[in-house]
Amino acid sequence: MYEVVIIEDDPMVAMINKQYVTENKHFHVAAVCRDGSSALEYLASHTVQLVIIDVYMPKMNLSLIHI
């Protein structure tokens, strides 16, 4: 099973993404993070195979994250 993290500040978009991902039995939404800071905190101690990320978010957006 593939572990998925959704990083999205809009609750409605996060819910739609989660519903879409969970339709496939091979994917499991491990976490939904509302901003980049909480996502980095989560990812520091968890391994996931897929991240669905919003580019612009409060506190920290994708332009500030260097992977």
C-alpha atoms as a PDB file:
ATOM      1  CA  MET A   1       0.000   0.000   0.000  1.00  0.00           C
ATOM      2  CA  TYR A   2       1.219   3.491  -0.845  1.00  0.00           C
ATOM      3  CA  GLU A   3       1.179   6.065   1.943  1.00  0.00           C
ATOM      4  CA  VAL A   4       0.000   9.521   0.843  1.00  0.00           C
ATOM      5  CA  VAL A   5       0.247  12.953   2.459  1.00  0.00           C
ATOM      6  CA  ILE A   6      -2.004  15.757   1.291  1.00  0.00           C
ATOM      7  CA  ILE A   7      -0.690  19.268   1.947  1.00  0.00           C
ATOM      8  CA  GLU A   8      -3.502  21.725   1.316  1.00  0.00           C
ATOM      9  CA  ASP A   9      -4.740  24.790   3.201  1.00  0.00           C
ATOM     10  CA  ASP A  10      -8.240  24.804   1.656  1.00  0.00           C
ATOM     11  CA  PRO A  11     -10.366  22.273   3.600  1.00  0.00           C
ATOM     12  CA  MET A  12     -12.719  21.620   0.674  1.00  0.00           C
ATOM     13  CA  VAL A  13      -9.868  20.898  -1.746  1.00  0.00           C
ATOM     14  CA  ALA A  14      -8.164  18.686   0.865  1.00  0.00           C
ATOM     15  CA  MET A  15     -11.387  16.708   1.311  1.00  0.00           C
ATOM     16  CA  ILE A  16     -11.827  16.250  -2.452  1.00  0.00           C
ATOM     17  CA  ASN A  17      -8.206  15.099  -2.819  1.00  0.00           C
ATOM     18  CA  LYS A  18      -8.628  12.653   0.062  1.00  0.00           C
ATOM     19  CA  GLN A  19     -11.841  11.212  -1.389  1.00  0.00           C
ATOM     20  CA  TYR A  20     -10.192  10.767  -4.777  1.00  0.00           C
ATOM     21  CA  VAL A  21      -7.092   9.072  -3.356  1.00  0.00           C
ATOM     22  CA  THR A  22      -9.064   6.677  -1.140  1.00  0.00           C
ATOM     23  CA  GLU A  23     -11.046   5.393  -4.120  1.00  0.00           C
ATOM     24  CA  ASN A  24      -7.977   3.322  -5.020  1.00  0.00           C
ATOM     25  CA  LYS A  25      -7.422   0.474  -2.542  1.00  0.00           C
ATOM     26  CA  HIS A  26      -3.639   0.663  -3.106  1.00  0.00           C
ATOM     27  CA  PHE A  27      -3.409   4.156  -1.578  1.00  0.00           C
ATOM     28  CA  HIS A  28      -3.849   5.248   2.035  1.00  0.00           C
ATOM     29  CA  VAL A  29      -4.012   8.880   3.138  1.00  0.00           C
ATOM     30  CA  ALA A  30      -1.643   8.913   6.096  1.00  0.00           C
ATOM     31  CA  ALA A  31      -2.066  12.624   6.880  1.00  0.00           C
ATOM     32  CA  VAL A  32      -3.632  15.862   5.730  1.00  0.00           C
ATOM     33  CA  CYS A  33      -1.509  18.897   6.616  1.00  0.00           C
ATOM     34  CA  ARG A  34      -2.840  22.457   6.421  1.00  0.00           C
ATOM     35  CA  ASP A  35       0.512  24.207   5.897  1.00  0.00           C
ATOM     36  CA  GLY A  36       4.107  23.568   4.901  1.00  0.00           C
ATOM     37  CA  SER A  37       5.462  23.753   8.440  1.00  0.00           C
ATOM     38  CA  SER A  38       3.225  20.981   9.778  1.00  0.00           C
ATOM     39  CA  ALA A  39       3.927  18.927   6.653  1.00  0.00           C
ATOM     40  CA  LEU A  40       7.691  19.132   7.173  1.00  0.00           C
ATOM     41  CA  GLU A  41       7.221  18.198  10.831  1.00  0.00           C
ATOM     42  CA  TYR A  42       5.164  15.151   9.828  1.00  0.00           C
ATOM     43  CA  LEU A  43       7.535  14.099   7.050  1.00  0.00           C
ATOM     44  CA  ALA A  44      10.555  14.332   9.358  1.00  0.00           C
ATOM     45  CA  SER A  45       9.329  11.234  11.200  1.00  0.00           C
ATOM     46  CA  HIS A  46       7.210   9.403   8.597  1.00  0.00           C
ATOM     47  CA  THR A  47       7.963   7.850   5.236  1.00  0.00           C
ATOM     48  CA  VAL A  48       5.430   8.284   2.446  1.00  0.00           C
ATOM     49  CA  GLN A  49       5.431   7.378  -1.225  1.00  0.00           C
ATOM     50  CA  LEU A  50       3.302  10.245  -2.554  1.00  0.00           C
ATOM     51  CA  VAL A  51       2.776  13.881  -1.592  1.00  0.00           C
ATOM     52  CA  ILE A  52      -0.051  15.935  -3.072  1.00  0.00           C
ATOM     53  CA  ILE A  53       0.882  19.539  -2.401  1.00  0.00           C
ATOM     54  CA  ASP A  54      -0.633  22.967  -2.889  1.00  0.00           C
ATOM     55  CA  VAL A  55       1.999  25.387  -4.175  1.00  0.00           C
ATOM     56  CA  TYR A  56       0.921  28.482  -2.187  1.00  0.00           C
ATOM     57  CA  MET A  57       0.061  28.038   1.488  1.00  0.00           C
ATOM     58  CA  PRO A  58       0.217  30.015   4.715  1.00  0.00           C
ATOM     59  CA  LYS A  59       3.429  29.997   6.807  1.00  0.00           C
ATOM     60  CA  MET A  60       5.490  28.230   4.145  1.00  0.00           C
ATOM     61  CA  ASN A  61       4.838  27.580   0.480  1.00  0.00           C
ATOM     62  CA  LEU A  62       6.522  25.370  -2.082  1.00  0.00           C
ATOM     63  CA  SER A  63       8.902  28.119  -3.175  1.00  0.00           C
ATOM     64  CA  LEU A  64      10.535  27.969   0.292  1.00  0.00           C
ATOM     65  CA  ILE A  65      10.959  24.188   0.375  1.00  0.00           C
ATOM     66  CA  HIS A  66      14.120  22.782  -1.175  1.00  0.00           C
ATOM     67  CA  ILE A  67      13.894  19.072  -1.823  1.00  0.00           C
END
